[in-house]
C-alpha atoms as a PDB file:
ATOM      1  CA  MET A   1      57.422  20.385-102.381  1.00  0.00           C
ATOM      2  CA  ARG A   2      54.144  21.578-103.926  1.00  0.00           C
ATOM      3  CA  VAL A   3      53.781  25.375-104.022  1.00  0.00           C
ATOM      4  CA  ILE A   4      50.384  26.970-103.290  1.00  0.00           C
ATOM      5  CA  ARG A   5      50.145  30.544-104.594  1.00  0.00           C
ATOM      6  CA  VAL A   6      47.976  32.788-102.400  1.00  0.00           C
ATOM      7  CA  GLY A   7      46.609  36.001-103.944  1.00  0.00           C
ATOM      8  CA  THR A   8      46.082  39.158-101.881  1.00  0.00           C
ATOM      9  CA  ARG A   9      45.851  42.931-102.138  1.00  0.00           C
ATOM     10  CA  LYS A  10      49.058  44.883-101.604  1.00  0.00           C
ATOM     11  CA  SER A  11      47.965  46.998 -98.646  1.00  0.00           C
ATOM     12  CA  GLN A  12      49.662  46.444 -95.298  1.00  0.00           C
ATOM     13  CA  LEU A  13      46.414  45.369 -93.643  1.00  0.00           C
ATOM     14  CA  ALA A  14      45.623  42.901 -96.456  1.00  0.00           C
ATOM     15  CA  ARG A  15      49.111  41.428 -96.121  1.00  0.00           C
ATOM     16  CA  ILE A  16      48.729  41.054 -92.351  1.00  0.00           C
ATOM     17  CA  GLN A  17      45.402  39.256 -92.836  1.00  0.00           C
ATOM     18  CA  THR A  18      46.826  37.030 -95.553  1.00  0.00           C
ATOM     19  CA  ASP A  19      49.937  36.231 -93.504  1.00  0.00           C
ATOM     20  CA  SER A  20      47.711  35.065 -90.636  1.00  0.00           C
ATOM     21  CA  VAL A  21      45.717  32.795 -92.980  1.00  0.00           C
ATOM     22  CA  VAL A  22      48.894  31.368 -94.525  1.00  0.00           C
ATOM     23  CA  ALA A  23      50.313  30.716 -91.039  1.00  0.00           C
ATOM     24  CA  MET A  24      47.222  28.632 -90.211  1.00  0.00           C
ATOM     25  CA  LEU A  25      47.443  26.769 -93.515  1.00  0.00           C
ATOM     26  CA  ARG A  26      51.144  25.993 -92.962  1.00  0.00           C
ATOM     27  CA  ALA A  27      50.313  24.530 -89.564  1.00  0.00           C
ATOM     28  CA  LEU A  28      47.585  22.361 -91.104  1.00  0.00           C
ATOM     29  CA  TYR A  29      49.612  21.350 -94.185  1.00  0.00           C
ATOM     30  CA  PRO A  30      53.329  21.252 -93.264  1.00  0.00           C
ATOM     31  CA  GLY A  31      54.115  19.368 -96.466  1.00  0.00           C
ATOM     32  CA  LEU A  32      53.126  22.307 -98.674  1.00  0.00           C
ATOM     33  CA  GLN A  33      54.938  25.523 -99.500  1.00  0.00           C
ATOM     34  CA  PHE A  34      52.930  28.753 -99.662  1.00  0.00           C
ATOM     35  CA  GLU A  35      53.857  31.743-101.823  1.00  0.00           C
ATOM     36  CA  ILE A  36      52.057  35.093-101.442  1.00  0.00           C
ATOM     37  CA  VAL A  37      51.238  37.001-104.654  1.00  0.00           C
ATOM     38  CA  ALA A  38      50.242  40.633-103.962  1.00  0.00           C
ATOM     39  CA  MET A  39      48.519  42.931-106.464  1.00  0.00           C
ATOM     40  CA  SER A  40      46.599  46.216-106.653  1.00  0.00           C
ATOM     41  CA  THR A  41      42.856  46.347-107.363  1.00  0.00           C
ATOM     42  CA  THR A  42      40.548  48.954-108.898  1.00  0.00           C
ATOM     43  CA  GLY A  43      39.476  50.058-105.434  1.00  0.00           C
ATOM     44  CA  ASP A  44      43.115  50.598-104.456  1.00  0.00           C
ATOM     45  CA  LYS A  45      43.840  52.710-107.556  1.00  0.00           C
ATOM     46  CA  ILE A  46      40.796  55.021-107.605  1.00  0.00           C
ATOM     47  CA  LEU A  47      41.096  57.068-104.419  1.00  0.00           C
ATOM     48  CA  ASP A  48      39.448  60.375-105.383  1.00  0.00           C
ATOM     49  CA  THR A  49      35.924  58.989-105.749  1.00  0.00           C
ATOM     50  CA  ALA A  50      33.489  57.577-103.196  1.00  0.00           C
ATOM     51  CA  LEU A  51      33.121  53.802-103.483  1.00  0.00           C
ATOM     52  CA  SER A  52      29.393  54.089-104.182  1.00  0.00           C
ATOM     53  CA  LYS A  53      30.048  56.491-107.078  1.00  0.00           C
ATOM     54  CA  ILE A  54      32.641  54.481-109.007  1.00  0.00           C
ATOM     55  CA  GLY A  55      29.930  52.480-110.729  1.00  0.00           C
ATOM     56  CA  GLU A  56      31.682  49.123-110.765  1.00  0.00           C
ATOM     57  CA  LYS A  57      31.226  45.983-108.722  1.00  0.00           C
ATOM     58  CA  SER A  58      33.957  43.867-107.114  1.00  0.00           C
ATOM     59  CA  LEU A  59      36.182  46.925-106.639  1.00  0.00           C
ATOM     60  CA  PHE A  60      38.597  45.129-104.324  1.00  0.00           C
ATOM     61  CA  THR A  61      38.333  41.631-105.766  1.00  0.00           C
ATOM     62  CA  LYS A  62      38.109  41.718-109.577  1.00  0.00           C
ATOM     63  CA  GLU A  63      41.840  41.668-110.392  1.00  0.00           C
ATOM     64  CA  LEU A  64      42.406  38.833-107.944  1.00  0.00           C
ATOM     65  CA  GLU A  65      39.488  36.903-109.422  1.00  0.00           C
ATOM     66  CA  HIS A  66      40.984  37.279-112.895  1.00  0.00           C
ATOM     67  CA  ALA A  67      44.300  35.927-111.592  1.00  0.00           C
ATOM     68  CA  LEU A  68      42.462  32.945-110.113  1.00  0.00           C
ATOM     69  CA  GLU A  69      40.631  32.319-113.397  1.00  0.00           C
ATOM     70  CA  LYS A  70      43.931  32.370-115.303  1.00  0.00           C
ATOM     71  CA  ASN A  71      45.508  29.968-112.797  1.00  0.00           C
ATOM     72  CA  GLU A  72      48.086  32.571-111.751  1.00  0.00           C
ATOM     73  CA  VAL A  73      47.127  31.913-108.122  1.00  0.00           C
ATOM     74  CA  ASP A  74      45.557  28.896-106.429  1.00  0.00           C
ATOM     75  CA  LEU A  75      43.440  30.728-103.855  1.00  0.00           C
ATOM     76  CA  ILE A  76      42.833  34.298-102.722  1.00  0.00           C
ATOM     77  CA  VAL A  77      42.272  35.886 -99.310  1.00  0.00           C
ATOM     78  CA  HIS A  78      39.723  38.681 -98.896  1.00  0.00           C
ATOM     79  CA  SER A  79      37.944  40.574 -96.166  1.00  0.00           C
ATOM     80  CA  LEU A  80      34.451  39.098 -96.362  1.00  0.00           C
ATOM     81  CA  LYS A  81      32.917  42.592 -96.620  1.00  0.00           C
ATOM     82  CA  ASP A  82      34.761  43.145 -99.918  1.00  0.00           C
ATOM     83  CA  LEU A  83      33.255  40.104-101.629  1.00  0.00           C
ATOM     84  CA  PRO A  84      30.386  40.697-104.086  1.00  0.00           C
ATOM     85  CA  THR A  85      27.022  39.337-102.999  1.00  0.00           C
ATOM     86  CA  VAL A  86      27.107  36.852-105.867  1.00  0.00           C
ATOM     87  CA  LEU A  87      30.403  35.137-106.653  1.00  0.00           C
ATOM     88  CA  PRO A  88      31.514  34.657-110.295  1.00  0.00           C
ATOM     89  CA  PRO A  89      30.583  31.283-111.855  1.00  0.00           C
ATOM     90  CA  GLY A  90      32.850  28.475-110.714  1.00  0.00           C
ATOM     91  CA  PHE A  91      34.069  30.311-107.601  1.00  0.00           C
ATOM     92  CA  THR A  92      33.337  29.296-104.022  1.00  0.00           C
ATOM     93  CA  VAL A  93      34.195  30.492-100.533  1.00  0.00           C
ATOM     94  CA  GLY A  94      36.459  27.718 -99.287  1.00  0.00           C
ATOM     95  CA  ALA A  95      36.735  28.750 -95.641  1.00  0.00           C
ATOM     96  CA  ILE A  96      35.924  31.601 -93.270  1.00  0.00           C
ATOM     97  CA  CYS A  97      38.370  32.450 -90.495  1.00  0.00           C
ATOM     98  CA  LYS A  98      37.146  33.020 -86.987  1.00  0.00           C
ATOM     99  CA  ARG A  99      35.803  36.550 -86.941  1.00  0.00           C
ATOM    100  CA  GLU A 100      37.666  39.444 -85.373  1.00  0.00           C
ATOM    101  CA  ASN A 101      35.923  42.173 -83.360  1.00  0.00           C
ATOM    102  CA  PRO A 102      32.841  43.089 -85.495  1.00  0.00           C
ATOM    103  CA  TYR A 103      32.408  46.651 -84.207  1.00  0.00           C
ATOM    104  CA  ASP A 104      33.155  50.025 -85.759  1.00  0.00           C
ATOM    105  CA  ALA A 105      35.422  52.532 -84.015  1.00  0.00           C
ATOM    106  CA  VAL A 106      35.711  56.311 -84.084  1.00  0.00           C
ATOM    107  CA  VAL A 107      39.252  57.678 -84.361  1.00  0.00           C
ATOM    108  CA  PHE A 108      39.550  61.367 -83.505  1.00  0.00           C
ATOM    109  CA  HIS A 109      41.855  64.093 -84.778  1.00  0.00           C
ATOM    110  CA  PRO A 110      44.563  64.722 -82.125  1.00  0.00           C
ATOM    111  CA  LYS A 111      42.938  68.025 -81.100  1.00  0.00           C
ATOM    112  CA  PHE A 112      39.689  66.199 -80.281  1.00  0.00           C
ATOM    113  CA  VAL A 113      41.140  63.295 -78.267  1.00  0.00           C
ATOM    114  CA  GLY A 114      38.881  62.668 -75.297  1.00  0.00           C
ATOM    115  CA  LYS A 115      35.763  63.800 -77.151  1.00  0.00           C
ATOM    116  CA  THR A 116      32.871  61.644 -78.349  1.00  0.00           C
ATOM    117  CA  LEU A 117      30.766  62.039 -81.485  1.00  0.00           C
ATOM    118  CA  GLU A 118      28.052  63.570 -79.320  1.00  0.00           C
ATOM    119  CA  THR A 119      30.390  66.246 -77.944  1.00  0.00           C
ATOM    120  CA  LEU A 120      32.104  67.196 -81.223  1.00  0.00           C
ATOM    121  CA  PRO A 121      31.404  70.812 -82.288  1.00  0.00           C
ATOM    122  CA  GLU A 122      28.455  71.529 -84.573  1.00  0.00           C
ATOM    123  CA  ARG A 123      29.102  70.703 -88.272  1.00  0.00           C
ATOM    124  CA  SER A 124      32.277  68.765 -87.502  1.00  0.00           C
ATOM    125  CA  ILE A 125      33.187  66.537 -90.452  1.00  0.00           C
ATOM    126  CA  VAL A 126      33.417  62.782 -89.913  1.00  0.00           C
ATOM    127  CA  GLY A 127      35.051  60.699 -92.633  1.00  0.00           C
ATOM    128  CA  THR A 128      33.867  57.276 -93.812  1.00  0.00           C
ATOM    129  CA  SER A 129      33.520  55.545 -97.180  1.00  0.00           C
ATOM    130  CA  SER A 130      30.557  53.423 -96.012  1.00  0.00           C
ATOM    131  CA  LEU A 131      26.968  54.451 -96.799  1.00  0.00           C
ATOM    132  CA  ARG A 132      25.797  52.160 -94.022  1.00  0.00           C
ATOM    133  CA  ARG A 133      27.926  53.976 -91.449  1.00  0.00           C
ATOM    134  CA  VAL A 134      26.793  57.397 -92.691  1.00  0.00           C
ATOM    135  CA  ALA A 135      23.142  56.392 -92.511  1.00  0.00           C
ATOM    136  CA  GLN A 136      23.442  55.037 -88.979  1.00  0.00           C
ATOM    137  CA  LEU A 137      25.508  57.944 -87.640  1.00  0.00           C
ATOM    138  CA  GLN A 138      23.510  60.694 -89.363  1.00  0.00           C
ATOM    139  CA  ARG A 139      20.401  59.461 -87.598  1.00  0.00           C
ATOM    140  CA  ARG A 140      22.039  59.507 -84.173  1.00  0.00           C
ATOM    141  CA  TYR A 141      24.239  62.604 -84.555  1.00  0.00           C
ATOM    142  CA  PRO A 142      22.352  65.103 -86.763  1.00  0.00           C
ATOM    143  CA  HIS A 143      24.710  67.945 -85.748  1.00  0.00           C
ATOM    144  CA  LEU A 144      27.607  66.326 -87.633  1.00  0.00           C
ATOM    145  CA  GLU A 145      28.499  66.296 -91.331  1.00  0.00           C
ATOM    146  CA  PHE A 146      29.837  63.244 -93.148  1.00  0.00           C
ATOM    147  CA  LYS A 147      32.268  63.032 -96.051  1.00  0.00           C
ATOM    148  CA  SER A 148      33.849  60.178 -97.975  1.00  0.00           C
ATOM    149  CA  ILE A 149      37.458  59.365 -97.125  1.00  0.00           C
ATOM    150  CA  ARG A 150      39.367  56.858 -99.247  1.00  0.00           C
ATOM    151  CA  GLY A 151      42.672  55.018 -99.088  1.00  0.00           C
ATOM    152  CA  ASN A 152      44.095  52.167 -97.050  1.00  0.00           C
ATOM    153  CA  LEU A 153      44.162  52.368 -93.265  1.00  0.00           C
ATOM    154  CA  ASN A 154      47.559  54.076 -93.180  1.00  0.00           C
ATOM    155  CA  THR A 155      46.441  56.699 -95.709  1.00  0.00           C
ATOM    156  CA  ARG A 156      43.178  57.504 -93.924  1.00  0.00           C
ATOM    157  CA  LEU A 157      44.866  57.906 -90.557  1.00  0.00           C
ATOM    158  CA  ARG A 158      47.495  60.150 -92.130  1.00  0.00           C
ATOM    159  CA  LYS A 159      44.771  62.323 -93.716  1.00  0.00           C
ATOM    160  CA  LEU A 160      43.083  62.581 -90.325  1.00  0.00           C
ATOM    161  CA  ASP A 161      46.239  63.489 -88.383  1.00  0.00           C
ATOM    162  CA  GLU A 162      48.012  65.760 -90.863  1.00  0.00           C
ATOM    163  CA  GLN A 163      45.077  67.673 -92.355  1.00  0.00           C
ATOM    164  CA  GLN A 164      42.416  69.793 -90.676  1.00  0.00           C
ATOM    165  CA  GLU A 165      39.487  68.592 -92.805  1.00  0.00           C
ATOM    166  CA  PHE A 166      38.248  65.744 -90.604  1.00  0.00           C
ATOM    167  CA  SER A 167      37.447  65.882 -86.905  1.00  0.00           C
ATOM    168  CA  ALA A 168      37.164  62.099 -86.792  1.00  0.00           C
ATOM    169  CA  ILE A 169      36.954  59.046 -89.048  1.00  0.00           C
ATOM    170  CA  VAL A 170      35.095  55.769 -88.620  1.00  0.00           C
ATOM    171  CA  LEU A 171      37.008  52.513 -89.125  1.00  0.00           C
ATOM    172  CA  ALA A 172      36.577  48.821 -88.380  1.00  0.00           C
ATOM    173  CA  VAL A 173      37.966  47.803 -84.996  1.00  0.00           C
ATOM    174  CA  ALA A 174      39.255  44.586 -86.598  1.00  0.00           C
ATOM    175  CA  GLY A 175      41.607  46.456 -88.919  1.00  0.00           C
ATOM    176  CA  LEU A 176      42.974  48.657 -86.155  1.00  0.00           C
ATOM    177  CA  GLN A 177      43.617  45.624 -83.969  1.00  0.00           C
ATOM    178  CA  ARG A 178      45.380  43.710 -86.737  1.00  0.00           C
ATOM    179  CA  MET A 179      47.624  46.703 -87.393  1.00  0.00           C
ATOM    180  CA  GLY A 180      48.385  47.023 -83.667  1.00  0.00           C
ATOM    181  CA  TRP A 181      46.733  50.450 -83.411  1.00  0.00           C
ATOM    182  CA  GLN A 182      44.144  49.697 -80.728  1.00  0.00           C
ATOM    183  CA  ASN A 183      45.210  52.836 -78.847  1.00  0.00           C
ATOM    184  CA  ARG A 184      43.698  54.981 -81.624  1.00  0.00           C
ATOM    185  CA  VAL A 185      40.155  53.806 -80.815  1.00  0.00           C
ATOM    186  CA  GLY A 186      38.355  56.795 -79.336  1.00  0.00           C
ATOM    187  CA  GLN A 187      34.755  55.441 -79.269  1.00  0.00           C
ATOM    188  CA  GLU A 188      33.226  51.977 -80.296  1.00  0.00           C
ATOM    189  CA  GLY A 189      30.025  51.521 -82.261  1.00  0.00           C
ATOM    190  CA  GLY A 190      29.075  45.464 -97.473  1.00  0.00           C
ATOM    191  CA  CYS A 191      29.722  49.076 -97.513  1.00  0.00           C
ATOM    192  CA  SER A 192      27.853  50.133-100.645  1.00  0.00           C
ATOM    193  CA  VAL A 193      24.280  50.031 -99.321  1.00  0.00           C
ATOM    194  CA  PRO A 194      22.884  51.124 -95.922  1.00  0.00           C
ATOM    195  CA  VAL A 195      22.125  47.640 -94.602  1.00  0.00           C
ATOM    196  CA  ALA A 196      23.682  45.584 -91.817  1.00  0.00           C
ATOM    197  CA  VAL A 197      23.323  42.163 -90.223  1.00  0.00           C
ATOM    198  CA  HIS A 198      24.606  40.612 -87.000  1.00  0.00           C
ATOM    199  CA  THR A 199      24.357  37.015 -85.765  1.00  0.00           C
ATOM    200  CA  VAL A 200      24.887  35.315 -82.424  1.00  0.00           C
ATOM    201  CA  VAL A 201      24.724  31.584 -81.650  1.00  0.00           C
ATOM    202  CA  LYS A 202      23.921  30.772 -78.016  1.00  0.00           C
ATOM    203  CA  ASP A 203      22.362  27.796 -76.229  1.00  0.00           C
ATOM    204  CA  GLY A 204      21.228  26.179 -79.467  1.00  0.00           C
ATOM    205  CA  GLN A 205      19.572  29.374 -80.709  1.00  0.00           C
ATOM    206  CA  LEU A 206      20.663  31.399 -83.729  1.00  0.00           C
ATOM    207  CA  TYR A 207      19.787  35.080 -83.306  1.00  0.00           C
ATOM    208  CA  LEU A 208      19.824  37.137 -86.515  1.00  0.00           C
ATOM    209  CA  THR A 209      19.425  40.922 -86.496  1.00  0.00           C
ATOM    210  CA  GLY A 210      19.032  42.883 -89.716  1.00  0.00           C
ATOM    211  CA  GLY A 211      18.750  46.631 -90.265  1.00  0.00           C
ATOM    212  CA  VAL A 212      18.073  49.070 -93.112  1.00  0.00           C
ATOM    213  CA  TRP A 213      18.632  52.852 -93.004  1.00  0.00           C
ATOM    214  CA  SER A 214      17.854  55.791 -95.276  1.00  0.00           C
ATOM    215  CA  LEU A 215      20.967  57.692 -96.397  1.00  0.00           C
ATOM    216  CA  ASP A 216      20.193  60.726 -94.231  1.00  0.00           C
ATOM    217  CA  GLY A 217      19.360  58.579 -91.226  1.00  0.00           C
ATOM    218  CA  SER A 218      15.798  59.912 -91.037  1.00  0.00           C
ATOM    219  CA  ASP A 219      14.224  56.496 -91.543  1.00  0.00           C
ATOM    220  CA  SER A 220      15.337  53.125 -90.229  1.00  0.00           C
ATOM    221  CA  MET A 221      14.124  49.604 -89.679  1.00  0.00           C
ATOM    222  CA  GLN A 222      15.598  46.864 -87.518  1.00  0.00           C
ATOM    223  CA  GLU A 223      14.290  43.406 -86.666  1.00  0.00           C
ATOM    224  CA  THR A 224      15.617  40.328 -84.851  1.00  0.00           C
ATOM    225  CA  MET A 225      14.526  36.751 -85.447  1.00  0.00           C
ATOM    226  CA  GLN A 226      15.726  33.484 -83.982  1.00  0.00           C
ATOM    227  CA  ALA A 227      15.707  29.805 -84.848  1.00  0.00           C
ATOM    228  CA  THR A 228      16.628  26.642 -82.993  1.00  0.00           C
ATOM    229  CA  ILE A 229      19.650  24.895 -84.443  1.00  0.00           C
ATOM    230  CA  HIS A 230      21.338  21.779 -83.121  1.00  0.00           C
ATOM    231  CA  ILE A 231      25.094  22.037 -83.614  1.00  0.00           C
ATOM    232  CA  PRO A 232      28.129  20.894 -81.598  1.00  0.00           C
ATOM    233  CA  ALA A 233      28.792  23.239 -78.673  1.00  0.00           C
ATOM    234  CA  GLN A 234      32.315  24.120 -79.839  1.00  0.00           C
ATOM    235  CA  HIS A 235      30.858  25.937 -82.841  1.00  0.00           C
ATOM    236  CA  GLU A 236      28.960  28.455 -80.719  1.00  0.00           C
ATOM    237  CA  ASP A 237      30.409  31.930 -80.157  1.00  0.00           C
ATOM    238  CA  GLY A 238      32.745  31.452 -77.244  1.00  0.00           C
ATOM    239  CA  PRO A 239      36.279  30.759 -76.044  1.00  0.00           C
ATOM    240  CA  GLU A 240      39.412  31.910 -77.795  1.00  0.00           C
ATOM    241  CA  ASP A 241      40.435  28.306 -78.522  1.00  0.00           C
ATOM    242  CA  ASP A 242      37.545  27.669 -80.904  1.00  0.00           C
ATOM    243  CA  PRO A 243      38.612  26.228 -84.294  1.00  0.00           C
ATOM    244  CA  GLN A 244      40.252  28.884 -86.444  1.00  0.00           C
ATOM    245  CA  LEU A 245      38.828  27.741 -89.754  1.00  0.00           C
ATOM    246  CA  VAL A 246      35.248  26.894 -90.579  1.00  0.00           C
ATOM    247  CA  GLY A 247      34.633  25.227 -93.942  1.00  0.00           C
ATOM    248  CA  ILE A 248      31.844  26.939 -95.853  1.00  0.00           C
ATOM    249  CA  THR A 249      30.467  23.480 -96.616  1.00  0.00           C
ATOM    250  CA  ALA A 250      30.149  22.928 -92.846  1.00  0.00           C
ATOM    251  CA  ARG A 251      30.443  19.148 -93.202  1.00  0.00           C
ATOM    252  CA  ASN A 252      30.432  18.556 -89.438  1.00  0.00           C
ATOM    253  CA  ILE A 253      27.250  20.597 -88.913  1.00  0.00           C
ATOM    254  CA  PRO A 254      23.956  18.779 -89.531  1.00  0.00           C
ATOM    255  CA  ARG A 255      22.197  19.646 -92.765  1.00  0.00           C
ATOM    256  CA  GLY A 256      19.086  20.560 -90.793  1.00  0.00           C
ATOM    257  CA  ALA A 257      20.978  23.255 -88.894  1.00  0.00           C
ATOM    258  CA  GLN A 258      22.342  24.692 -92.130  1.00  0.00           C
ATOM    259  CA  LEU A 259      18.871  24.820 -93.667  1.00  0.00           C
ATOM    260  CA  ALA A 260      17.436  26.406 -90.509  1.00  0.00           C
ATOM    261  CA  ALA A 261      20.078  29.143 -90.658  1.00  0.00           C
ATOM    262  CA  GLU A 262      19.479  29.763 -94.363  1.00  0.00           C
ATOM    263  CA  ASN A 263      15.715  29.882 -93.916  1.00  0.00           C
ATOM    264  CA  LEU A 264      16.093  32.286 -90.987  1.00  0.00           C
ATOM    265  CA  GLY A 265      17.987  34.695 -93.221  1.00  0.00           C
ATOM    266  CA  ILE A 266      15.349  34.441 -95.936  1.00  0.00           C
ATOM    267  CA  SER A 267      12.553  34.952 -93.407  1.00  0.00           C
ATOM    268  CA  LEU A 268      14.199  38.006 -91.874  1.00  0.00           C
ATOM    269  CA  ALA A 269      14.747  39.544 -95.321  1.00  0.00           C
ATOM    270  CA  ALA A 270      11.100  38.904 -96.193  1.00  0.00           C
ATOM    271  CA  LEU A 271       9.954  40.473 -92.911  1.00  0.00           C
ATOM    272  CA  LEU A 272      11.998  43.630 -93.520  1.00  0.00           C
ATOM    273  CA  LEU A 273      10.766  43.869 -97.115  1.00  0.00           C
ATOM    274  CA  ASN A 274       7.150  43.441 -96.024  1.00  0.00           C
ATOM    275  CA  LYS A 275       7.601  46.260 -93.511  1.00  0.00           C
ATOM    276  CA  GLY A 276       8.882  48.671 -96.145  1.00  0.00           C
ATOM    277  CA  ALA A 277      12.637  48.062 -96.426  1.00  0.00           C
ATOM    278  CA  LYS A 278      12.451  48.030-100.234  1.00  0.00           C
ATOM    279  CA  ASN A 279      11.091  51.576-100.296  1.00  0.00           C
ATOM    280  CA  ILE A 280      13.910  52.799 -98.054  1.00  0.00           C
ATOM    281  CA  LEU A 281      16.550  51.132-100.240  1.00  0.00           C
ATOM    282  CA  ASP A 282      14.951  52.357-103.490  1.00  0.00           C
ATOM    283  CA  VAL A 283      15.050  55.958-102.248  1.00  0.00           C
ATOM    284  CA  ALA A 284      18.640  55.505-101.019  1.00  0.00           C
ATOM    285  CA  ARG A 285      19.668  54.161-104.434  1.00  0.00           C
ATOM    286  CA  GLN A 286      17.977  57.054-106.273  1.00  0.00           C
ATOM    287  CA  LEU A 287      19.616  59.661-104.027  1.00  0.00           C
ATOM    288  CA  ASN A 288      23.017  58.017-104.404  1.00  0.00           C
ATOM    289  CA  ASP A 289      22.691  57.899-108.205  1.00  0.00           C
ATOM    290  CA  ALA A 290      21.599  61.563-108.276  1.00  0.00           C
ATOM    291  CA  HIS A 291      24.697  62.622-106.386  1.00  0.00           C
END
């Protein structure tokens, strides 16, 4: 039986995500055997420095990419947010799993259970390693302070619960759900720059929202654009029984729909840039480098 070696990070959450992908692949290809190869990455090893300060790209993917280049693994599983914006030469995204809950969640220190970010005491410290989250939250909750918190999900929750430094931390709902820790969610709401994007497909329309924030939250810009795309109804956001894997080549989606989606993204980026997004990002980059 042919063995397919699947690369992944060693963290518990990464293993849970990889196990779910391998389970789907086994169901699709019962004649193959899958072996999981776990390894640590630069981002896993450097835990005393904010992600934006480390000065390297591909912090959570580089070691796995090297293993793929050397044919030590046949494919690797990542959280999409950890992928670099430009993949190394010869690499491609083979498939994207159906997305989990896309929202952020606030998890509070036990002494603040029942609170919200708005009702936390003045100068309470909220932990997050994402510049985008800091920028968004600083703008809405100017009475709070924000500090980088590193480590896997288990480590960050332990720092929150066992130390008195953080009043709350901000995490992805998806990770908490996959770990079975939904009960820790106290409030719902690429990590290296303060930008975000969200898409919805409904009734033949693709809605794309993009946002840019200054690091201190004092300046922001958000725009939504839409385009008509003709795709099979089962590929719209909807029921739980939608297909679990979507090939990045999207062979069963008309080329015109793919081009419309790509052009919508380019148009939205151009609109934001024309309205001053580049200035906001340039200032954010300068401030981050200075610190």
